PDB file of all heavy atoms in Angstrom:
ATOM      1  N   PHE A   1     109.884 129.563 147.946  1.00  0.00           N
ATOM      2  CA  PHE A   1     110.908 130.457 148.361  1.00  0.00           C
ATOM      3  C   PHE A   1     112.202 129.801 148.311  1.00  0.00           C
ATOM      4  O   PHE A   1     112.320 128.565 148.105  1.00  0.00           O
ATOM      5  CB  PHE A   1     110.667 131.002 149.833  1.00  0.00           C
ATOM      6  CG  PHE A   1     110.833 129.895 150.883  1.00  0.00           C
ATOM      7  CD1 PHE A   1     112.065 129.603 151.486  1.00  0.00           C
ATOM      8  CD2 PHE A   1     109.704 129.201 151.277  1.00  0.00           C
ATOM      9  CE1 PHE A   1     112.197 128.715 152.377  1.00  0.00           C
ATOM     10  CE2 PHE A   1     109.863 128.197 152.235  1.00  0.00           C
ATOM     11  CZ  PHE A   1     111.045 128.004 152.838  1.00  0.00           C
ATOM     12  N   ALA A   2     113.225 130.664 148.353  1.00  0.00           N
ATOM     13  CA  ALA A   2     114.666 130.058 148.305  1.00  0.00           C
ATOM     14  C   ALA A   2     115.454 130.794 149.299  1.00  0.00           C
ATOM     15  O   ALA A   2     115.188 131.932 149.708  1.00  0.00           O
ATOM     16  CB  ALA A   2     115.197 130.249 146.875  1.00  0.00           C
ATOM     17  N   ARG A   3     116.554 130.131 149.726  1.00  0.00           N
ATOM     18  CA  ARG A   3     117.546 130.812 150.677  1.00  0.00           C
ATOM     19  C   ARG A   3     118.857 130.588 150.048  1.00  0.00           C
ATOM     20  O   ARG A   3     119.206 129.610 149.371  1.00  0.00           O
ATOM     21  CB  ARG A   3     117.475 129.996 152.016  1.00  0.00           C
ATOM     22  CG  ARG A   3     116.169 130.180 152.815  1.00  0.00           C
ATOM     23  CD  ARG A   3     116.437 129.819 154.331  1.00  0.00           C
ATOM     24  NE  ARG A   3     115.132 129.929 154.995  1.00  0.00           N
ATOM     25  CZ  ARG A   3     114.426 128.883 155.436  1.00  0.00           C
ATOM     26  NH1 ARG A   3     114.826 127.623 155.126  1.00  0.00           N
ATOM     27  NH2 ARG A   3     113.325 129.037 156.050  1.00  0.00           N
ATOM     28  N   TYR A   4     119.674 131.528 150.338  1.00  0.00           N
ATOM     29  CA  TYR A   4     121.029 131.666 149.751  1.00  0.00           C
ATOM     30  C   TYR A   4     122.093 131.806 150.859  1.00  0.00           C
ATOM     31  O   TYR A   4     121.860 132.630 151.741  1.00  0.00           O
ATOM     32  CB  TYR A   4     121.156 132.799 148.740  1.00  0.00           C
ATOM     33  CG  TYR A   4     120.107 132.717 147.643  1.00  0.00           C
ATOM     34  CD1 TYR A   4     118.931 133.318 147.728  1.00  0.00           C
ATOM     35  CD2 TYR A   4     120.395 131.968 146.511  1.00  0.00           C
ATOM     36  CE1 TYR A   4     117.881 133.215 146.744  1.00  0.00           C
ATOM     37  CE2 TYR A   4     119.406 131.789 145.515  1.00  0.00           C
ATOM     38  CZ  TYR A   4     118.159 132.452 145.648  1.00  0.00           C
ATOM     39  OH  TYR A   4     117.249 132.290 144.713  1.00  0.00           O
ATOM     40  N   ARG A   5     123.203 131.053 150.687  1.00  0.00           N
ATOM     41  CA  ARG A   5     124.205 131.306 151.700  1.00  0.00           C
ATOM     42  C   ARG A   5     125.040 132.527 151.386  1.00  0.00           C
ATOM     43  O   ARG A   5     124.868 133.099 150.259  1.00  0.00           O
ATOM     44  CB  ARG A   5     125.123 130.003 151.647  1.00  0.00           C
ATOM     45  CG  ARG A   5     124.473 128.761 152.045  1.00  0.00           C
ATOM     46  CD  ARG A   5     123.895 128.815 153.545  1.00  0.00           C
ATOM     47  NE  ARG A   5     124.865 128.987 154.537  1.00  0.00           N
ATOM     48  CZ  ARG A   5     125.486 127.920 155.107  1.00  0.00           C
ATOM     49  NH1 ARG A   5     125.115 126.768 154.849  1.00  0.00           N
ATOM     50  NH2 ARG A   5     126.444 128.144 155.953  1.00  0.00           N
ATOM     51  N   ASP A   6     125.845 133.005 152.217  1.00  0.00           N
ATOM     52  CA  ASP A   6     126.510 134.218 152.101  1.00  0.00           C
ATOM     53  C   ASP A   6     127.358 134.297 150.742  1.00  0.00           C
ATOM     54  O   ASP A   6     127.417 135.276 150.194  1.00  0.00           O
ATOM     55  CB  ASP A   6     127.506 134.490 153.255  1.00  0.00           C
ATOM     56  CG  ASP A   6     126.688 134.886 154.509  1.00  0.00           C
ATOM     57  OD1 ASP A   6     125.507 135.181 154.382  1.00  0.00           O
ATOM     58  OD2 ASP A   6     127.344 134.799 155.609  1.00  0.00           O
ATOM     59  N   VAL A   7     127.993 133.184 150.351  1.00  0.00           N
ATOM     60  CA  VAL A   7     128.661 133.129 149.187  1.00  0.00           C
ATOM     61  C   VAL A   7     127.899 133.449 147.917  1.00  0.00           C
ATOM     62  O   VAL A   7     128.413 133.818 146.876  1.00  0.00           O
ATOM     63  CB  VAL A   7     129.421 131.844 148.955  1.00  0.00           C
ATOM     64  CG1 VAL A   7     130.492 131.629 150.091  1.00  0.00           C
ATOM     65  CG2 VAL A   7     128.431 130.635 148.991  1.00  0.00           C
ATOM     66  N   ALA A   8     126.610 133.178 148.045  1.00  0.00           N
ATOM     67  CA  ALA A   8     125.700 133.355 146.825  1.00  0.00           C
ATOM     68  C   ALA A   8     124.844 134.543 146.917  1.00  0.00           C
ATOM     69  O   ALA A   8     124.260 135.038 145.925  1.00  0.00           O
ATOM     70  CB  ALA A   8     124.895 132.116 146.656  1.00  0.00           C
ATOM     71  N   SER A   9     124.579 135.082 148.210  1.00  0.00           N
ATOM     72  CA  SER A   9     123.613 136.186 148.409  1.00  0.00           C
ATOM     73  C   SER A   9     123.909 137.329 147.488  1.00  0.00           C
ATOM     74  O   SER A   9     124.973 137.882 147.464  1.00  0.00           O
ATOM     75  CB  SER A   9     123.614 136.570 149.835  1.00  0.00           C
ATOM     76  OG  SER A   9     122.627 137.496 150.150  1.00  0.00           O
ATOM     77  N   GLY A  10     122.844 137.737 146.821  1.00  0.00           N
ATOM     78  CA  GLY A  10     122.997 138.966 145.947  1.00  0.00           C
ATOM     79  C   GLY A  10     123.563 138.635 144.557  1.00  0.00           C
ATOM     80  O   GLY A  10     123.513 139.531 143.729  1.00  0.00           O
ATOM     81  N   ARG A  11     124.092 137.445 144.273  1.00  0.00           N
ATOM     82  CA  ARG A  11     124.658 137.100 143.066  1.00  0.00           C
ATOM     83  C   ARG A  11     123.978 135.984 142.315  1.00  0.00           C
ATOM     84  O   ARG A  11     123.927 135.944 141.182  1.00  0.00           O
ATOM     85  CB  ARG A  11     126.122 136.823 143.148  1.00  0.00           C
ATOM     86  CG  ARG A  11     127.100 137.969 143.772  1.00  0.00           C
ATOM     87  CD  ARG A  11     128.509 137.568 143.660  1.00  0.00           C
ATOM     88  NE  ARG A  11     128.809 136.396 144.397  1.00  0.00           N
ATOM     89  CZ  ARG A  11     129.543 135.375 143.999  1.00  0.00           C
ATOM     90  NH1 ARG A  11     130.050 135.363 142.760  1.00  0.00           N
ATOM     91  NH2 ARG A  11     129.826 134.315 144.732  1.00  0.00           N
ATOM     92  N   PHE A  12     123.502 135.039 143.090  1.00  0.00           N
ATOM     93  CA  PHE A  12     122.886 133.861 142.648  1.00  0.00           C
ATOM     94  C   PHE A  12     121.335 133.929 142.838  1.00  0.00           C
ATOM     95  O   PHE A  12     120.902 134.352 143.840  1.00  0.00           O
ATOM     96  CB  PHE A  12     123.425 132.602 143.338  1.00  0.00           C
ATOM     97  CG  PHE A  12     124.884 132.356 143.041  1.00  0.00           C
ATOM     98  CD1 PHE A  12     125.617 133.223 142.283  1.00  0.00           C
ATOM     99  CD2 PHE A  12     125.442 131.229 143.626  1.00  0.00           C
ATOM    100  CE1 PHE A  12     127.022 133.006 142.104  1.00  0.00           C
ATOM    101  CE2 PHE A  12     126.813 130.929 143.436  1.00  0.00           C
ATOM    102  CZ  PHE A  12     127.602 131.765 142.679  1.00  0.00           C
ATOM    103  N   THR A  13     120.652 133.325 141.866  1.00  0.00           N
ATOM    104  CA  THR A  13     119.140 133.303 141.932  1.00  0.00           C
ATOM    105  C   THR A  13     118.686 131.974 141.425  1.00  0.00           C
ATOM    106  O   THR A  13     119.094 131.564 140.308  1.00  0.00           O
ATOM    107  CB  THR A  13     118.535 134.408 141.104  1.00  0.00           C
ATOM    108  OG1 THR A  13     118.913 135.688 141.623  1.00  0.00           O
ATOM    109  CG2 THR A  13     117.000 134.316 141.376  1.00  0.00           C
ATOM    110  N   SER A  14     117.899 131.276 142.165  1.00  0.00           N
ATOM    111  CA  SER A  14     117.324 130.065 141.752  1.00  0.00           C
ATOM    112  C   SER A  14     115.854 130.148 141.443  1.00  0.00           C
ATOM    113  O   SER A  14     115.183 130.872 142.039  1.00  0.00           O
ATOM    114  CB  SER A  14     117.575 128.911 142.837  1.00  0.00           C
ATOM    115  OG  SER A  14     117.305 127.609 142.285  1.00  0.00           O
ATOM    116  N   SER A  15     115.457 129.410 140.397  1.00  0.00           N
ATOM    117  CA  SER A  15     114.064 129.529 139.941  1.00  0.00           C
ATOM    118  C   SER A  15     113.674 128.108 139.503  1.00  0.00           C
ATOM    119  O   SER A  15     114.452 127.252 139.081  1.00  0.00           O
ATOM    120  CB  SER A  15     113.918 130.489 138.814  1.00  0.00           C
ATOM    121  OG  SER A  15     114.697 130.174 137.755  1.00  0.00           O
ATOM    122  N   ARG A  16     112.407 127.920 139.494  1.00  0.00           N
ATOM    123  CA  ARG A  16     111.756 126.657 139.027  1.00  0.00           C
ATOM    124  C   ARG A  16     111.128 126.834 137.718  1.00  0.00           C
ATOM    125  O   ARG A  16     110.455 127.806 137.432  1.00  0.00           O
ATOM    126  CB  ARG A  16     110.775 126.164 140.093  1.00  0.00           C
ATOM    127  CG  ARG A  16     111.340 125.587 141.381  1.00  0.00           C
ATOM    128  CD  ARG A  16     110.266 124.910 142.203  1.00  0.00           C
ATOM    129  NE  ARG A  16     110.862 124.310 143.394  1.00  0.00           N
ATOM    130  CZ  ARG A  16     111.181 123.146 143.549  1.00  0.00           C
ATOM    131  NH1 ARG A  16     111.141 122.329 142.534  1.00  0.00           N
ATOM    132  NH2 ARG A  16     111.722 122.614 144.645  1.00  0.00           N
ATOM    133  N   ASP A  17     111.254 125.742 136.987  1.00  0.00           N
ATOM    134  CA  ASP A  17     110.367 125.579 135.700  1.00  0.00           C
ATOM    135  C   ASP A  17     109.680 124.338 135.771  1.00  0.00           C
ATOM    136  O   ASP A  17     110.207 123.328 135.352  1.00  0.00           O
ATOM    137  CB  ASP A  17     111.361 125.757 134.435  1.00  0.00           C
ATOM    138  CG  ASP A  17     110.514 125.658 133.207  1.00  0.00           C
ATOM    139  OD1 ASP A  17     109.319 125.333 133.292  1.00  0.00           O
ATOM    140  OD2 ASP A  17     111.101 125.949 132.165  1.00  0.00           O
ATOM    141  N   SER A  18     108.581 124.333 136.433  1.00  0.00           N
ATOM    142  CA  SER A  18     107.838 123.087 136.730  1.00  0.00           C
ATOM    143  C   SER A  18     107.396 122.357 135.423  1.00  0.00           C
ATOM    144  O   SER A  18     107.306 121.103 135.407  1.00  0.00           O
ATOM    145  CB  SER A  18     106.652 123.323 137.652  1.00  0.00           C
ATOM    146  OG  SER A  18     107.095 123.795 138.848  1.00  0.00           O
ATOM    147  N   ALA A  19     107.110 123.160 134.388  1.00  0.00           N
ATOM    148  CA  ALA A  19     106.715 122.548 133.094  1.00  0.00           C
ATOM    149  C   ALA A  19     107.710 121.663 132.502  1.00  0.00           C
ATOM    150  O   ALA A  19     107.534 120.621 131.821  1.00  0.00           O
ATOM    151  CB  ALA A  19     106.267 123.632 132.198  1.00  0.00           C
ATOM    152  N   LYS A  20     109.083 121.979 132.845  1.00  0.00           N
ATOM    153  CA  LYS A  20     110.191 121.293 132.378  1.00  0.00           C
ATOM    154  C   LYS A  20     110.766 120.277 133.481  1.00  0.00           C
ATOM    155  O   LYS A  20     111.898 119.763 133.281  1.00  0.00           O
ATOM    156  CB  LYS A  20     111.190 122.160 131.791  1.00  0.00           C
ATOM    157  CG  LYS A  20     110.777 122.961 130.547  1.00  0.00           C
ATOM    158  CD  LYS A  20     111.925 123.746 129.941  1.00  0.00           C
ATOM    159  CE  LYS A  20     111.458 124.478 128.748  1.00  0.00           C
ATOM    160  NZ  LYS A  20     112.483 125.292 128.059  1.00  0.00           N
ATOM    161  N   ASN A  21     110.169 120.377 134.621  1.00  0.00           N
ATOM    162  CA  ASN A  21     110.653 119.549 135.766  1.00  0.00           C
ATOM    163  C   ASN A  21     112.021 119.892 136.117  1.00  0.00           C
ATOM    164  O   ASN A  21     112.897 119.020 136.280  1.00  0.00           O
ATOM    165  CB  ASN A  21     110.439 118.031 135.396  1.00  0.00           C
ATOM    166  CG  ASN A  21     110.184 117.185 136.665  1.00  0.00           C
ATOM    167  OD1 ASN A  21     109.683 117.714 137.691  1.00  0.00           O
ATOM    168  ND2 ASN A  21     110.553 115.926 136.605  1.00  0.00           N
ATOM    169  N   THR A  22     112.335 121.220 136.093  1.00  0.00           N
ATOM    170  CA  THR A  22     113.699 121.658 136.208  1.00  0.00           C
ATOM    171  C   THR A  22     113.820 122.803 137.225  1.00  0.00           C
ATOM    172  O   THR A  22     112.928 123.584 137.472  1.00  0.00           O
ATOM    173  CB  THR A  22     114.249 122.131 134.800  1.00  0.00           C
ATOM    174  OG1 THR A  22     114.233 120.986 133.903  1.00  0.00           O
ATOM    175  CG2 THR A  22     115.593 122.730 134.846  1.00  0.00           C
ATOM    176  N   VAL A  23     114.955 122.961 137.846  1.00  0.00           N
ATOM    177  CA  VAL A  23     115.293 124.099 138.656  1.00  0.00           C
ATOM    178  C   VAL A  23     116.581 124.654 138.086  1.00  0.00           C
ATOM    179  O   VAL A  23     117.507 123.962 137.633  1.00  0.00           O
ATOM    180  CB  VAL A  23     115.571 123.671 140.114  1.00  0.00           C
ATOM    181  CG1 VAL A  23     116.166 124.886 140.889  1.00  0.00           C
ATOM    182  CG2 VAL A  23     114.242 123.166 140.728  1.00  0.00           C
ATOM    183  N   HIS A  24     116.611 125.972 138.062  1.00  0.00           N
ATOM    184  CA  HIS A  24     117.809 126.736 137.501  1.00  0.00           C
ATOM    185  C   HIS A  24     118.587 127.473 138.604  1.00  0.00           C
ATOM    186  O   HIS A  24     117.942 127.811 139.600  1.00  0.00           O
ATOM    187  CB  HIS A  24     117.324 127.713 136.456  1.00  0.00           C
ATOM    188  CG  HIS A  24     116.654 127.109 135.389  1.00  0.00           C
ATOM    189  ND1 HIS A  24     117.201 126.311 134.334  1.00  0.00           N
ATOM    190  CD2 HIS A  24     115.297 127.182 134.996  1.00  0.00           C
ATOM    191  CE1 HIS A  24     116.323 125.990 133.503  1.00  0.00           C
ATOM    192  NE2 HIS A  24     115.135 126.451 133.821  1.00  0.00           N
ATOM    193  N   LEU A  25     119.755 127.690 138.313  1.00  0.00           N
ATOM    194  CA  LEU A  25     120.569 128.559 139.325  1.00  0.00           C
ATOM    195  C   LEU A  25     121.265 129.556 138.358  1.00  0.00           C
ATOM    196  O   LEU A  25     122.233 129.218 137.596  1.00  0.00           O
ATOM    197  CB  LEU A  25     121.643 127.747 140.015  1.00  0.00           C
ATOM    198  CG  LEU A  25     122.399 128.550 141.071  1.00  0.00           C
ATOM    199  CD1 LEU A  25     121.539 129.116 142.163  1.00  0.00           C
ATOM    200  CD2 LEU A  25     123.512 127.738 141.726  1.00  0.00           C
ATOM    201  N   ARG A  26     120.880 130.787 138.449  1.00  0.00           N
ATOM    202  CA  ARG A  26     121.530 131.835 137.677  1.00  0.00           C
ATOM    203  C   ARG A  26     122.634 132.485 138.620  1.00  0.00           C
ATOM    204  O   ARG A  26     122.327 132.906 139.681  1.00  0.00           O
ATOM    205  CB  ARG A  26     120.469 132.935 137.375  1.00  0.00           C
ATOM    206  CG  ARG A  26     121.100 134.153 136.646  1.00  0.00           C
ATOM    207  CD  ARG A  26     121.503 133.859 135.147  1.00  0.00           C
ATOM    208  NE  ARG A  26     121.983 135.075 134.499  1.00  0.00           N
ATOM    209  CZ  ARG A  26     122.407 134.982 133.270  1.00  0.00           C
ATOM    210  NH1 ARG A  26     122.313 133.925 132.552  1.00  0.00           N
ATOM    211  NH2 ARG A  26     122.864 136.075 132.711  1.00  0.00           N
ATOM    212  N   MET A  27     123.827 132.513 138.102  1.00  0.00           N
ATOM    213  CA  MET A  27     124.931 132.969 138.809  1.00  0.00           C
ATOM    214  C   MET A  27     125.572 134.184 138.132  1.00  0.00           C
ATOM    215  O   MET A  27     126.022 134.078 136.910  1.00  0.00           O
ATOM    216  CB  MET A  27     126.042 131.808 138.910  1.00  0.00           C
ATOM    217  CG  MET A  27     125.412 130.588 139.490  1.00  0.00           C
ATOM    218  SD  MET A  27     126.759 129.306 139.885  1.00  0.00           S
ATOM    219  CE  MET A  27     127.301 129.033 138.210  1.00  0.00           C
ATOM    220  N   ASN A  28     125.531 135.396 138.721  1.00  0.00           N
ATOM    221  CA  ASN A  28     126.111 136.478 138.153  1.00  0.00           C
ATOM    222  C   ASN A  28     127.348 137.008 138.961  1.00  0.00           C
ATOM    223  O   ASN A  28     127.656 136.447 140.000  1.00  0.00           O
ATOM    224  CB  ASN A  28     125.093 137.629 138.239  1.00  0.00           C
ATOM    225  CG  ASN A  28     123.923 137.431 137.422  1.00  0.00           C
ATOM    226  OD1 ASN A  28     123.946 136.771 136.309  1.00  0.00           O
ATOM    227  ND2 ASN A  28     122.705 137.859 137.904  1.00  0.00           N
ATOM    228  N   SER A  29     128.168 137.811 138.330  1.00  0.00           N
ATOM    229  CA  SER A  29     129.322 138.392 138.995  1.00  0.00           C
ATOM    230  C   SER A  29     130.321 137.353 139.458  1.00  0.00           C
ATOM    231  O   SER A  29     130.743 137.272 140.615  1.00  0.00           O
ATOM    232  CB  SER A  29     128.997 139.331 140.161  1.00  0.00           C
ATOM    233  OG  SER A  29     128.150 140.408 139.679  1.00  0.00           O
ATOM    234  N   LEU A  30     130.480 136.304 138.685  1.00  0.00           N
ATOM    235  CA  LEU A  30     131.290 135.164 139.062  1.00  0.00           C
ATOM    236  C   LEU A  30     132.724 135.565 139.244  1.00  0.00           C
ATOM    237  O   LEU A  30     133.268 136.409 138.554  1.00  0.00           O
ATOM    238  CB  LEU A  30     131.209 133.947 138.044  1.00  0.00           C
ATOM    239  CG  LEU A  30     129.831 133.262 138.093  1.00  0.00           C
ATOM    240  CD1 LEU A  30     129.580 132.462 136.883  1.00  0.00           C
ATOM    241  CD2 LEU A  30     129.732 132.383 139.356  1.00  0.00           C
ATOM    242  N   GLN A  31     133.411 134.954 140.297  1.00  0.00           N
ATOM    243  CA  GLN A  31     134.767 135.184 140.638  1.00  0.00           C
ATOM    244  C   GLN A  31     135.521 133.945 140.648  1.00  0.00           C
ATOM    245  O   GLN A  31     134.940 132.768 140.723  1.00  0.00           O
ATOM    246  CB  GLN A  31     134.858 135.983 141.903  1.00  0.00           C
ATOM    247  CG  GLN A  31     134.109 137.289 141.999  1.00  0.00           C
ATOM    248  CD  GLN A  31     134.692 138.280 140.925  1.00  0.00           C
ATOM    249  OE1 GLN A  31     135.865 138.353 140.754  1.00  0.00           O
ATOM    250  NE2 GLN A  31     133.810 138.967 140.317  1.00  0.00           N
ATOM    251  N   PRO A  32     136.865 133.952 140.474  1.00  0.00           N
ATOM    252  CA  PRO A  32     137.654 132.729 140.551  1.00  0.00           C
ATOM    253  C   PRO A  32     137.405 131.823 141.777  1.00  0.00           C
ATOM    254  O   PRO A  32     137.431 130.609 141.609  1.00  0.00           O
ATOM    255  CB  PRO A  32     139.019 133.265 140.594  1.00  0.00           C
ATOM    256  CG  PRO A  32     139.060 134.539 139.764  1.00  0.00           C
ATOM    257  CD  PRO A  32     137.653 135.139 140.225  1.00  0.00           C
ATOM    258  N   GLY A  33     136.978 132.489 142.902  1.00  0.00           N
ATOM    259  CA  GLY A  33     136.633 131.693 144.004  1.00  0.00           C
ATOM    260  C   GLY A  33     135.323 130.850 143.902  1.00  0.00           C
ATOM    261  O   GLY A  33     135.036 129.979 144.700  1.00  0.00           O
TER     262      GLY A  33
END
């Protein structure tokens, strides 16, 4: 599971790729902030 702070909730999604020993963070609707 993953948890997201308010700044990320609804816009950011994190996922694992265990085969590549990697975690990703997908960030949508990015703003200057």
